[in-house]
Amino acid sequence: LRNIDAPLIVFPELCFFTNGVVSSLERAVQVSTQMVSLISVF
């Protein structure tokens, strides 16, 4: 993400999930939180 020359980067909805499909809501909350942390690092 650092190499993209744009100040605003937009991903599709629920991009953390295969084809945007949420199968387990509790797990989806955990994955979402982890991925936000990862994006912040990037």
PDB file of all heavy atoms in Angstrom:
ATOM      1  N   LEU A   1       0.818  -1.218   0.000  1.00  0.00           N
ATOM      2  CA  LEU A   1       0.000   0.000   0.000  1.00  0.00           C
ATOM      3  C   LEU A   1       0.847   1.261   0.000  1.00  0.00           C
ATOM      4  O   LEU A   1       0.448   2.285  -0.518  1.00  0.00           O
ATOM      5  CB  LEU A   1      -0.930   0.004   1.218  1.00  0.00           C
ATOM      6  CG  LEU A   1      -2.034  -1.043   1.233  1.00  0.00           C
ATOM      7  CD1 LEU A   1      -2.773  -1.000   2.559  1.00  0.00           C
ATOM      8  CD2 LEU A   1      -2.985  -0.844   0.087  1.00  0.00           C
ATOM      9  N   ARG A   2       2.040   1.193   0.607  1.00  0.00           N
ATOM     10  CA  ARG A   2       2.905   2.368   0.660  1.00  0.00           C
ATOM     11  C   ARG A   2       3.337   2.836  -0.718  1.00  0.00           C
ATOM     12  O   ARG A   2       3.612   4.001  -0.926  1.00  0.00           O
ATOM     13  CB  ARG A   2       4.148   2.051   1.475  1.00  0.00           C
ATOM     14  CG  ARG A   2       4.050   2.504   2.887  1.00  0.00           C
ATOM     15  CD  ARG A   2       5.291   2.177   3.619  1.00  0.00           C
ATOM     16  NE  ARG A   2       4.840   1.158   4.575  1.00  0.00           N
ATOM     17  CZ  ARG A   2       5.601   0.321   5.188  1.00  0.00           C
ATOM     18  NH1 ARG A   2       6.874   0.322   4.979  1.00  0.00           N
ATOM     19  NH2 ARG A   2       5.116  -0.533   6.040  1.00  0.00           N
ATOM     20  N   ASN A   3       3.414   1.905  -1.668  1.00  0.00           N
ATOM     21  CA  ASN A   3       3.908   2.238  -3.008  1.00  0.00           C
ATOM     22  C   ASN A   3       2.835   2.776  -3.931  1.00  0.00           C
ATOM     23  O   ASN A   3       3.134   3.196  -5.042  1.00  0.00           O
ATOM     24  CB  ASN A   3       4.564   1.001  -3.630  1.00  0.00           C
ATOM     25  CG  ASN A   3       5.781   0.565  -2.838  1.00  0.00           C
ATOM     26  OD1 ASN A   3       6.444   1.382  -2.209  1.00  0.00           O
ATOM     27  ND2 ASN A   3       6.057  -0.720  -2.837  1.00  0.00           N
ATOM     28  N   ILE A   4       1.595   2.756  -3.510  1.00  0.00           N
ATOM     29  CA  ILE A   4       0.521   3.303  -4.326  1.00  0.00           C
ATOM     30  C   ILE A   4       0.557   4.820  -4.194  1.00  0.00           C
ATOM     31  O   ILE A   4       0.529   5.353  -3.092  1.00  0.00           O
ATOM     32  CB  ILE A   4      -0.847   2.738  -3.883  1.00  0.00           C
ATOM     33  CG1 ILE A   4      -0.884   1.229  -4.124  1.00  0.00           C
ATOM     34  CG2 ILE A   4      -1.981   3.442  -4.614  1.00  0.00           C
ATOM     35  CD1 ILE A   4      -2.117   0.558  -3.580  1.00  0.00           C
ATOM     36  N   ASP A   5       0.619   5.501  -5.331  1.00  0.00           N
ATOM     37  CA  ASP A   5       0.743   6.957  -5.320  1.00  0.00           C
ATOM     38  C   ASP A   5      -0.642   7.611  -5.302  1.00  0.00           C
ATOM     39  O   ASP A   5      -1.063   8.230  -6.268  1.00  0.00           O
ATOM     40  CB  ASP A   5       1.542   7.415  -6.541  1.00  0.00           C
ATOM     41  CG  ASP A   5       1.886   8.886  -6.468  1.00  0.00           C
ATOM     42  OD1 ASP A   5       1.954   9.426  -5.345  1.00  0.00           O
ATOM     43  OD2 ASP A   5       2.070   9.499  -7.532  1.00  0.00           O
ATOM     44  N   ALA A   6      -1.334   7.424  -4.193  1.00  0.00           N
ATOM     45  CA  ALA A   6      -2.659   8.021  -4.024  1.00  0.00           C
ATOM     46  C   ALA A   6      -2.893   8.242  -2.532  1.00  0.00           C
ATOM     47  O   ALA A   6      -2.542   7.394  -1.716  1.00  0.00           O
ATOM     48  CB  ALA A   6      -3.735   7.102  -4.586  1.00  0.00           C
ATOM     49  N   PRO A   7      -3.488   9.362  -2.175  1.00  0.00           N
ATOM     50  CA  PRO A   7      -3.744   9.614  -0.746  1.00  0.00           C
ATOM     51  C   PRO A   7      -4.961   8.861  -0.213  1.00  0.00           C
ATOM     52  O   PRO A   7      -5.137   8.742   0.988  1.00  0.00           O
ATOM     53  CB  PRO A   7      -3.967  11.123  -0.691  1.00  0.00           C
ATOM     54  CG  PRO A   7      -4.493  11.465  -2.049  1.00  0.00           C
ATOM     55  CD  PRO A   7      -3.843  10.506  -3.002  1.00  0.00           C
ATOM     56  N   LEU A   8      -5.808   8.360  -1.130  1.00  0.00           N
ATOM     57  CA  LEU A   8      -7.022   7.652  -0.726  1.00  0.00           C
ATOM     58  C   LEU A   8      -7.116   6.357  -1.526  1.00  0.00           C
ATOM     59  O   LEU A   8      -7.116   6.379  -2.759  1.00  0.00           O
ATOM     60  CB  LEU A   8      -8.259   8.523  -0.981  1.00  0.00           C
ATOM     61  CG  LEU A   8      -9.598   7.968  -0.534  1.00  0.00           C
ATOM     62  CD1 LEU A   8      -9.646   7.809   0.993  1.00  0.00           C
ATOM     63  CD2 LEU A   8     -10.727   8.883  -0.988  1.00  0.00           C
ATOM     64  N   ILE A   9      -7.185   5.243  -0.820  1.00  0.00           N
ATOM     65  CA  ILE A   9      -7.259   3.924  -1.439  1.00  0.00           C
ATOM     66  C   ILE A   9      -8.580   3.297  -1.004  1.00  0.00           C
ATOM     67  O   ILE A   9      -8.897   3.278   0.182  1.00  0.00           O
ATOM     68  CB  ILE A   9      -6.076   3.046  -0.987  1.00  0.00           C
ATOM     69  CG1 ILE A   9      -4.750   3.723  -1.350  1.00  0.00           C
ATOM     70  CG2 ILE A   9      -6.175   1.649  -1.589  1.00  0.00           C
ATOM     71  CD1 ILE A   9      -3.543   3.178  -0.629  1.00  0.00           C
ATOM     72  N   VAL A  10      -9.344   2.806  -1.973  1.00  0.00           N
ATOM     73  CA  VAL A  10     -10.664   2.248  -1.666  1.00  0.00           C
ATOM     74  C   VAL A  10     -10.704   0.784  -2.092  1.00  0.00           C
ATOM     75  O   VAL A  10     -10.391   0.452  -3.234  1.00  0.00           O
ATOM     76  CB  VAL A  10     -11.791   3.031  -2.376  1.00  0.00           C
ATOM     77  CG1 VAL A  10     -13.153   2.501  -1.955  1.00  0.00           C
ATOM     78  CG2 VAL A  10     -11.671   4.518  -2.087  1.00  0.00           C
ATOM     79  N   PHE A  11     -11.106  -0.070  -1.160  1.00  0.00           N
ATOM     80  CA  PHE A  11     -11.282  -1.500  -1.423  1.00  0.00           C
ATOM     81  C   PHE A  11     -12.771  -1.830  -1.427  1.00  0.00           C
ATOM     82  O   PHE A  11     -13.565  -1.118  -0.805  1.00  0.00           O
ATOM     83  CB  PHE A  11     -10.592  -2.342  -0.351  1.00  0.00           C
ATOM     84  CG  PHE A  11      -9.093  -2.288  -0.393  1.00  0.00           C
ATOM     85  CD1 PHE A  11      -8.369  -1.896   0.721  1.00  0.00           C
ATOM     86  CD2 PHE A  11      -8.399  -2.643  -1.539  1.00  0.00           C
ATOM     87  CE1 PHE A  11      -6.980  -1.860   0.696  1.00  0.00           C
ATOM     88  CE2 PHE A  11      -7.009  -2.609  -1.577  1.00  0.00           C
ATOM     89  CZ  PHE A  11      -6.304  -2.215  -0.462  1.00  0.00           C
ATOM     90  N   PRO A  12     -13.154  -2.923  -2.078  1.00  0.00           N
ATOM     91  CA  PRO A  12     -14.566  -3.331  -2.048  1.00  0.00           C
ATOM     92  C   PRO A  12     -15.029  -3.624  -0.616  1.00  0.00           C
ATOM     93  O   PRO A  12     -14.213  -3.831   0.286  1.00  0.00           O
ATOM     94  CB  PRO A  12     -14.581  -4.616  -2.879  1.00  0.00           C
ATOM     95  CG  PRO A  12     -13.364  -4.543  -3.728  1.00  0.00           C
ATOM     96  CD  PRO A  12     -12.344  -3.795  -2.910  1.00  0.00           C
ATOM     97  N   GLU A  13     -16.343  -3.692  -0.453  1.00  0.00           N
ATOM     98  CA  GLU A  13     -16.885  -4.039   0.856  1.00  0.00           C
ATOM     99  C   GLU A  13     -16.374  -5.410   1.289  1.00  0.00           C
ATOM    100  O   GLU A  13     -16.130  -6.286   0.461  1.00  0.00           O
ATOM    101  CB  GLU A  13     -18.410  -4.030   0.831  1.00  0.00           C
ATOM    102  CG  GLU A  13     -19.000  -5.187   0.052  1.00  0.00           C
ATOM    103  CD  GLU A  13     -20.515  -5.258   0.116  1.00  0.00           C
ATOM    104  OE1 GLU A  13     -21.188  -4.223   0.253  1.00  0.00           O
ATOM    105  OE2 GLU A  13     -21.027  -6.378   0.012  1.00  0.00           O
ATOM    106  N   LEU A  14     -16.198  -5.546   2.580  1.00  0.00           N
ATOM    107  CA  LEU A  14     -15.832  -6.833   3.183  1.00  0.00           C
ATOM    108  C   LEU A  14     -14.673  -7.495   2.445  1.00  0.00           C
ATOM    109  O   LEU A  14     -14.661  -8.699   2.208  1.00  0.00           O
ATOM    110  CB  LEU A  14     -17.051  -7.748   3.238  1.00  0.00           C
ATOM    111  CG  LEU A  14     -18.261  -7.166   3.987  1.00  0.00           C
ATOM    112  CD1 LEU A  14     -19.488  -8.043   3.776  1.00  0.00           C
ATOM    113  CD2 LEU A  14     -17.964  -6.968   5.460  1.00  0.00           C
ATOM    114  N   CYS A  15     -13.681  -6.703   2.090  1.00  0.00           N
ATOM    115  CA  CYS A  15     -12.556  -7.204   1.298  1.00  0.00           C
ATOM    116  C   CYS A  15     -11.715  -8.212   2.064  1.00  0.00           C
ATOM    117  O   CYS A  15     -10.905  -8.914   1.472  1.00  0.00           O
ATOM    118  CB  CYS A  15     -11.691  -6.062   0.786  1.00  0.00           C
ATOM    119  SG  CYS A  15     -10.758  -5.202   2.069  1.00  0.00           S
ATOM    120  N   PHE A  16     -11.917  -8.321   3.359  1.00  0.00           N
ATOM    121  CA  PHE A  16     -11.152  -9.258   4.170  1.00  0.00           C
ATOM    122  C   PHE A  16     -11.657 -10.690   4.037  1.00  0.00           C
ATOM    123  O   PHE A  16     -11.065 -11.606   4.589  1.00  0.00           O
ATOM    124  CB  PHE A  16     -11.204  -8.871   5.650  1.00  0.00           C
ATOM    125  CG  PHE A  16     -10.906  -7.419   5.930  1.00  0.00           C
ATOM    126  CD1 PHE A  16     -11.667  -6.713   6.838  1.00  0.00           C
ATOM    127  CD2 PHE A  16      -9.868  -6.755   5.301  1.00  0.00           C
ATOM    128  CE1 PHE A  16     -11.394  -5.376   7.118  1.00  0.00           C
ATOM    129  CE2 PHE A  16      -9.590  -5.425   5.564  1.00  0.00           C
ATOM    130  CZ  PHE A  16     -10.349  -4.734   6.475  1.00  0.00           C
ATOM    131  N   PHE A  17     -12.778 -10.886   3.350  1.00  0.00           N
ATOM    132  CA  PHE A  17     -13.429 -12.192   3.283  1.00  0.00           C
ATOM    133  C   PHE A  17     -13.525 -12.668   1.839  1.00  0.00           C
ATOM    134  O   PHE A  17     -13.829 -11.875   0.935  1.00  0.00           O
ATOM    135  CB  PHE A  17     -14.831 -12.110   3.901  1.00  0.00           C
ATOM    136  CG  PHE A  17     -14.800 -11.529   5.279  1.00  0.00           C
ATOM    137  CD1 PHE A  17     -15.086 -10.190   5.488  1.00  0.00           C
ATOM    138  CD2 PHE A  17     -14.433 -12.297   6.368  1.00  0.00           C
ATOM    139  CE1 PHE A  17     -15.020  -9.630   6.752  1.00  0.00           C
ATOM    140  CE2 PHE A  17     -14.355 -11.750   7.638  1.00  0.00           C
ATOM    141  CZ  PHE A  17     -14.654 -10.406   7.833  1.00  0.00           C
ATOM    142  N   THR A  18     -13.302 -13.954   1.614  1.00  0.00           N
ATOM    143  CA  THR A  18     -13.379 -14.526   0.281  1.00  0.00           C
ATOM    144  C   THR A  18     -14.739 -14.231  -0.334  1.00  0.00           C
ATOM    145  O   THR A  18     -15.773 -14.573   0.235  1.00  0.00           O
ATOM    146  CB  THR A  18     -13.142 -16.054   0.342  1.00  0.00           C
ATOM    147  OG1 THR A  18     -11.887 -16.293   0.979  1.00  0.00           O
ATOM    148  CG2 THR A  18     -13.136 -16.648  -1.057  1.00  0.00           C
ATOM    149  N   ASN A  19     -14.713 -13.559  -1.469  1.00  0.00           N
ATOM    150  CA  ASN A  19     -15.929 -13.146  -2.177  1.00  0.00           C
ATOM    151  C   ASN A  19     -16.879 -12.326  -1.314  1.00  0.00           C
ATOM    152  O   ASN A  19     -18.066 -12.237  -1.607  1.00  0.00           O
ATOM    153  CB  ASN A  19     -16.663 -14.361  -2.762  1.00  0.00           C
ATOM    154  CG  ASN A  19     -15.834 -15.064  -3.805  1.00  0.00           C
ATOM    155  OD1 ASN A  19     -15.159 -14.421  -4.597  1.00  0.00           O
ATOM    156  ND2 ASN A  19     -15.854 -16.378  -3.803  1.00  0.00           N
ATOM    157  N   GLY A  20     -16.387 -11.735  -0.241  1.00  0.00           N
ATOM    158  CA  GLY A  20     -17.217 -10.906   0.628  1.00  0.00           C
ATOM    159  C   GLY A  20     -18.225 -11.685   1.433  1.00  0.00           C
ATOM    160  O   GLY A  20     -19.156 -11.100   1.984  1.00  0.00           O
ATOM    161  N   VAL A  21     -18.044 -12.996   1.532  1.00  0.00           N
ATOM    162  CA  VAL A  21     -18.999 -13.845   2.237  1.00  0.00           C
ATOM    163  C   VAL A  21     -18.592 -13.987   3.699  1.00  0.00           C
ATOM    164  O   VAL A  21     -17.476 -14.398   4.015  1.00  0.00           O
ATOM    165  CB  VAL A  21     -19.103 -15.239   1.582  1.00  0.00           C
ATOM    166  CG1 VAL A  21     -20.015 -16.153   2.388  1.00  0.00           C
ATOM    167  CG2 VAL A  21     -19.586 -15.106   0.152  1.00  0.00           C
ATOM    168  N   VAL A  22     -19.533 -13.646   4.577  1.00  0.00           N
ATOM    169  CA  VAL A  22     -19.322 -13.763   6.015  1.00  0.00           C
ATOM    170  C   VAL A  22     -20.073 -15.001   6.487  1.00  0.00           C
ATOM    171  O   VAL A  22     -21.294 -15.058   6.406  1.00  0.00           O
ATOM    172  CB  VAL A  22     -19.843 -12.506   6.751  1.00  0.00           C
ATOM    173  CG1 VAL A  22     -19.780 -12.685   8.249  1.00  0.00           C
ATOM    174  CG2 VAL A  22     -19.055 -11.282   6.304  1.00  0.00           C
ATOM    175  N   SER A  23     -19.337 -15.999   6.973  1.00  0.00           N
ATOM    176  CA  SER A  23     -19.988 -17.237   7.401  1.00  0.00           C
ATOM    177  C   SER A  23     -20.164 -17.292   8.919  1.00  0.00           C
ATOM    178  O   SER A  23     -21.178 -17.770   9.403  1.00  0.00           O
ATOM    179  CB  SER A  23     -19.220 -18.461   6.902  1.00  0.00           C
ATOM    180  OG  SER A  23     -17.859 -18.360   7.251  1.00  0.00           O
ATOM    181  N   SER A  24     -19.192 -16.807   9.656  1.00  0.00           N
ATOM    182  CA  SER A  24     -19.285 -16.763  11.117  1.00  0.00           C
ATOM    183  C   SER A  24     -19.135 -15.314  11.563  1.00  0.00           C
ATOM    184  O   SER A  24     -18.077 -14.706  11.371  1.00  0.00           O
ATOM    185  CB  SER A  24     -18.177 -17.614  11.752  1.00  0.00           C
ATOM    186  OG  SER A  24     -18.037 -17.291  13.126  1.00  0.00           O
ATOM    187  N   LEU A  25     -20.177 -14.777  12.155  1.00  0.00           N
ATOM    188  CA  LEU A  25     -20.150 -13.360  12.527  1.00  0.00           C
ATOM    189  C   LEU A  25     -19.115 -13.071  13.605  1.00  0.00           C
ATOM    190  O   LEU A  25     -18.397 -12.071  13.527  1.00  0.00           O
ATOM    191  CB  LEU A  25     -21.543 -12.914  12.964  1.00  0.00           C
ATOM    192  CG  LEU A  25     -22.535 -12.822  11.812  1.00  0.00           C
ATOM    193  CD1 LEU A  25     -23.957 -12.677  12.341  1.00  0.00           C
ATOM    194  CD2 LEU A  25     -22.193 -11.650  10.908  1.00  0.00           C
ATOM    195  N   GLU A  26     -19.024 -13.911  14.608  1.00  0.00           N
ATOM    196  CA  GLU A  26     -18.036 -13.683  15.676  1.00  0.00           C
ATOM    197  C   GLU A  26     -16.616 -13.705  15.099  1.00  0.00           C
ATOM    198  O   GLU A  26     -15.792 -12.869  15.436  1.00  0.00           O
ATOM    199  CB  GLU A  26     -18.194 -14.723  16.786  1.00  0.00           C
ATOM    200  CG  GLU A  26     -19.508 -14.628  17.545  1.00  0.00           C
ATOM    201  CD  GLU A  26     -19.665 -13.363  18.377  1.00  0.00           C
ATOM    202  OE1 GLU A  26     -18.669 -12.672  18.662  1.00  0.00           O
ATOM    203  OE2 GLU A  26     -20.818 -13.053  18.738  1.00  0.00           O
ATOM    204  N   ARG A  27     -16.350 -14.663  14.231  1.00  0.00           N
ATOM    205  CA  ARG A  27     -15.031 -14.755  13.593  1.00  0.00           C
ATOM    206  C   ARG A  27     -14.808 -13.552  12.670  1.00  0.00           C
ATOM    207  O   ARG A  27     -13.702 -13.023  12.584  1.00  0.00           O
ATOM    208  CB  ARG A  27     -14.919 -16.071  12.811  1.00  0.00           C
ATOM    209  CG  ARG A  27     -13.619 -16.255  12.102  1.00  0.00           C
ATOM    210  CD  ARG A  27     -12.498 -16.626  13.060  1.00  0.00           C
ATOM    211  NE  ARG A  27     -11.270 -16.806  12.301  1.00  0.00           N
ATOM    212  CZ  ARG A  27     -10.153 -16.151  12.541  1.00  0.00           C
ATOM    213  NH1 ARG A  27     -10.080 -15.321  13.559  1.00  0.00           N
ATOM    214  NH2 ARG A  27      -9.086 -16.339  11.810  1.00  0.00           N
ATOM    215  N   ALA A  28     -15.851 -13.106  11.995  1.00  0.00           N
ATOM    216  CA  ALA A  28     -15.736 -11.956  11.098  1.00  0.00           C
ATOM    217  C   ALA A  28     -15.327 -10.693  11.854  1.00  0.00           C
ATOM    218  O   ALA A  28     -14.554  -9.886  11.349  1.00  0.00           O
ATOM    219  CB  ALA A  28     -17.045 -11.731  10.352  1.00  0.00           C
ATOM    220  N   VAL A  29     -15.840 -10.535  13.061  1.00  0.00           N
ATOM    221  CA  VAL A  29     -15.462  -9.382  13.886  1.00  0.00           C
ATOM    222  C   VAL A  29     -13.968  -9.455  14.211  1.00  0.00           C
ATOM    223  O   VAL A  29     -13.248  -8.460  14.109  1.00  0.00           O
ATOM    224  CB  VAL A  29     -16.316  -9.321  15.177  1.00  0.00           C
ATOM    225  CG1 VAL A  29     -15.775  -8.285  16.144  1.00  0.00           C
ATOM    226  CG2 VAL A  29     -17.770  -9.042  14.839  1.00  0.00           C
ATOM    227  N   GLN A  30     -13.486 -10.632  14.559  1.00  0.00           N
ATOM    228  CA  GLN A  30     -12.059 -10.820  14.881  1.00  0.00           C
ATOM    229  C   GLN A  30     -11.177 -10.547  13.665  1.00  0.00           C
ATOM    230  O   GLN A  30     -10.183  -9.821  13.763  1.00  0.00           O
ATOM    231  CB  GLN A  30     -11.809 -12.236  15.389  1.00  0.00           C
ATOM    232  CG  GLN A  30     -12.445 -12.538  16.709  1.00  0.00           C
ATOM    233  CD  GLN A  30     -12.317 -14.021  17.066  1.00  0.00           C
ATOM    234  OE1 GLN A  30     -11.974 -14.856  16.239  1.00  0.00           O
ATOM    235  NE2 GLN A  30     -12.600 -14.334  18.322  1.00  0.00           N
ATOM    236  N   VAL A  31     -11.547 -11.129  12.522  1.00  0.00           N
ATOM    237  CA  VAL A  31     -10.772 -10.940  11.291  1.00  0.00           C
ATOM    238  C   VAL A  31     -10.752  -9.466  10.898  1.00  0.00           C
ATOM    239  O   VAL A  31      -9.711  -8.923  10.529  1.00  0.00           O
ATOM    240  CB  VAL A  31     -11.332 -11.816  10.146  1.00  0.00           C
ATOM    241  CG1 VAL A  31     -10.731 -11.433   8.800  1.00  0.00           C
ATOM    242  CG2 VAL A  31     -11.094 -13.292  10.440  1.00  0.00           C
ATOM    243  N   SER A  32     -11.900  -8.814  10.988  1.00  0.00           N
ATOM    244  CA  SER A  32     -11.982  -7.384  10.642  1.00  0.00           C
ATOM    245  C   SER A  32     -11.017  -6.569  11.488  1.00  0.00           C
ATOM    246  O   SER A  32     -10.263  -5.735  10.969  1.00  0.00           O
ATOM    247  CB  SER A  32     -13.410  -6.876  10.833  1.00  0.00           C
ATOM    248  OG  SER A  32     -14.295  -7.458   9.907  1.00  0.00           O
ATOM    249  N   THR A  33     -11.010  -6.812  12.781  1.00  0.00           N
ATOM    250  CA  THR A  33     -10.132  -6.071  13.696  1.00  0.00           C
ATOM    251  C   THR A  33      -8.664  -6.329  13.370  1.00  0.00           C
ATOM    252  O   THR A  33      -7.848  -5.397  13.338  1.00  0.00           O
ATOM    253  CB  THR A  33     -10.439  -6.462  15.154  1.00  0.00           C
ATOM    254  OG1 THR A  33     -11.816  -6.180  15.409  1.00  0.00           O
ATOM    255  CG2 THR A  33      -9.578  -5.690  16.133  1.00  0.00           C
ATOM    256  N   GLN A  34      -8.315  -7.583  13.095  1.00  0.00           N
ATOM    257  CA  GLN A  34      -6.932  -7.920  12.758  1.00  0.00           C
ATOM    258  C   GLN A  34      -6.496  -7.255  11.452  1.00  0.00           C
ATOM    259  O   GLN A  34      -5.375  -6.741  11.354  1.00  0.00           O
ATOM    260  CB  GLN A  34      -6.778  -9.438  12.642  1.00  0.00           C
ATOM    261  CG  GLN A  34      -6.926 -10.156  13.955  1.00  0.00           C
ATOM    262  CD  GLN A  34      -7.072 -11.672  13.787  1.00  0.00           C
ATOM    263  OE1 GLN A  34      -7.289 -12.166  12.691  1.00  0.00           O
ATOM    264  NE2 GLN A  34      -6.948 -12.386  14.896  1.00  0.00           N
ATOM    265  N   MET A  35      -7.373  -7.244  10.469  1.00  0.00           N
ATOM    266  CA  MET A  35      -7.020  -6.671   9.180  1.00  0.00           C
ATOM    267  C   MET A  35      -6.881  -5.150   9.246  1.00  0.00           C
ATOM    268  O   MET A  35      -6.031  -4.577   8.567  1.00  0.00           O
ATOM    269  CB  MET A  35      -8.026  -7.092   8.112  1.00  0.00           C
ATOM    270  CG  MET A  35      -7.987  -8.586   7.804  1.00  0.00           C
ATOM    271  SD  MET A  35      -6.330  -9.203   7.375  1.00  0.00           S
ATOM    272  CE  MET A  35      -6.084  -8.410   5.803  1.00  0.00           C
ATOM    273  N   VAL A  36      -7.697  -4.510  10.048  1.00  0.00           N
ATOM    274  CA  VAL A  36      -7.547  -3.060  10.239  1.00  0.00           C
ATOM    275  C   VAL A  36      -6.171  -2.760  10.816  1.00  0.00           C
ATOM    276  O   VAL A  36      -5.472  -1.847  10.359  1.00  0.00           O
ATOM    277  CB  VAL A  36      -8.669  -2.500  11.140  1.00  0.00           C
ATOM    278  CG1 VAL A  36      -8.333  -1.096  11.622  1.00  0.00           C
ATOM    279  CG2 VAL A  36      -9.997  -2.503  10.403  1.00  0.00           C
ATOM    280  N   SER A  37      -5.747  -3.542  11.783  1.00  0.00           N
ATOM    281  CA  SER A  37      -4.410  -3.354  12.364  1.00  0.00           C
ATOM    282  C   SER A  37      -3.324  -3.554  11.313  1.00  0.00           C
ATOM    283  O   SER A  37      -2.353  -2.792  11.261  1.00  0.00           O
ATOM    284  CB  SER A  37      -4.189  -4.325  13.523  1.00  0.00           C
ATOM    285  OG  SER A  37      -5.071  -4.043  14.568  1.00  0.00           O
ATOM    286  N   LEU A  38      -3.494  -4.541  10.470  1.00  0.00           N
ATOM    287  CA  LEU A  38      -2.515  -4.815   9.427  1.00  0.00           C
ATOM    288  C   LEU A  38      -2.446  -3.673   8.412  1.00  0.00           C
ATOM    289  O   LEU A  38      -1.357  -3.237   8.025  1.00  0.00           O
ATOM    290  CB  LEU A  38      -2.862  -6.132   8.725  1.00  0.00           C
ATOM    291  CG  LEU A  38      -1.850  -6.671   7.736  1.00  0.00           C
ATOM    292  CD1 LEU A  38      -0.498  -6.906   8.397  1.00  0.00           C
ATOM    293  CD2 LEU A  38      -2.371  -7.962   7.130  1.00  0.00           C
ATOM    294  N   ILE A  39      -3.586  -3.162   8.001  1.00  0.00           N
ATOM    295  CA  ILE A  39      -3.608  -2.021   7.067  1.00  0.00           C
ATOM    296  C   ILE A  39      -2.919  -0.817   7.697  1.00  0.00           C
ATOM    297  O   ILE A  39      -2.143  -0.118   7.039  1.00  0.00           O
ATOM    298  CB  ILE A  39      -5.048  -1.688   6.633  1.00  0.00           C
ATOM    299  CG1 ILE A  39      -5.565  -2.768   5.678  1.00  0.00           C
ATOM    300  CG2 ILE A  39      -5.125  -0.313   5.964  1.00  0.00           C
ATOM    301  CD1 ILE A  39      -7.034  -2.654   5.329  1.00  0.00           C
ATOM    302  N   SER A  40      -3.165  -0.583   8.980  1.00  0.00           N
ATOM    303  CA  SER A  40      -2.514   0.541   9.669  1.00  0.00           C
ATOM    304  C   SER A  40      -0.995   0.416   9.612  1.00  0.00           C
ATOM    305  O   SER A  40      -0.289   1.402   9.413  1.00  0.00           O
ATOM    306  CB  SER A  40      -2.959   0.612  11.127  1.00  0.00           C
ATOM    307  OG  SER A  40      -4.306   0.928  11.211  1.00  0.00           O
ATOM    308  N   VAL A  41      -0.490  -0.794   9.774  1.00  0.00           N
ATOM    309  CA  VAL A  41       0.950  -1.030   9.693  1.00  0.00           C
ATOM    310  C   VAL A  41       1.453  -0.742   8.286  1.00  0.00           C
ATOM    311  O   VAL A  41       2.488  -0.112   8.101  1.00  0.00           O
ATOM    312  CB  VAL A  41       1.294  -2.484  10.113  1.00  0.00           C
ATOM    313  CG1 VAL A  41       2.743  -2.833   9.790  1.00  0.00           C
ATOM    314  CG2 VAL A  41       1.022  -2.677  11.602  1.00  0.00           C
ATOM    315  N   PHE A  42       0.705  -1.192   7.262  1.00  0.00           N
ATOM    316  CA  PHE A  42       1.123  -0.982   5.876  1.00  0.00           C
ATOM    317  C   PHE A  42       1.198   0.493   5.504  1.00  0.00           C
ATOM    318  O   PHE A  42       2.029   0.882   4.697  1.00  0.00           O
ATOM    319  CB  PHE A  42       0.199  -1.699   4.898  1.00  0.00           C
ATOM    320  CG  PHE A  42       0.470  -3.174   4.782  1.00  0.00           C
ATOM    321  CD1 PHE A  42      -0.569  -4.076   4.882  1.00  0.00           C
ATOM    322  CD2 PHE A  42       1.752  -3.662   4.571  1.00  0.00           C
ATOM    323  CE1 PHE A  42      -0.334  -5.437   4.776  1.00  0.00           C
ATOM    324  CE2 PHE A  42       1.996  -5.019   4.464  1.00  0.00           C
ATOM    325  CZ  PHE A  42       0.956  -5.911   4.564  1.00  0.00           C
TER     326      PHE A  42
END
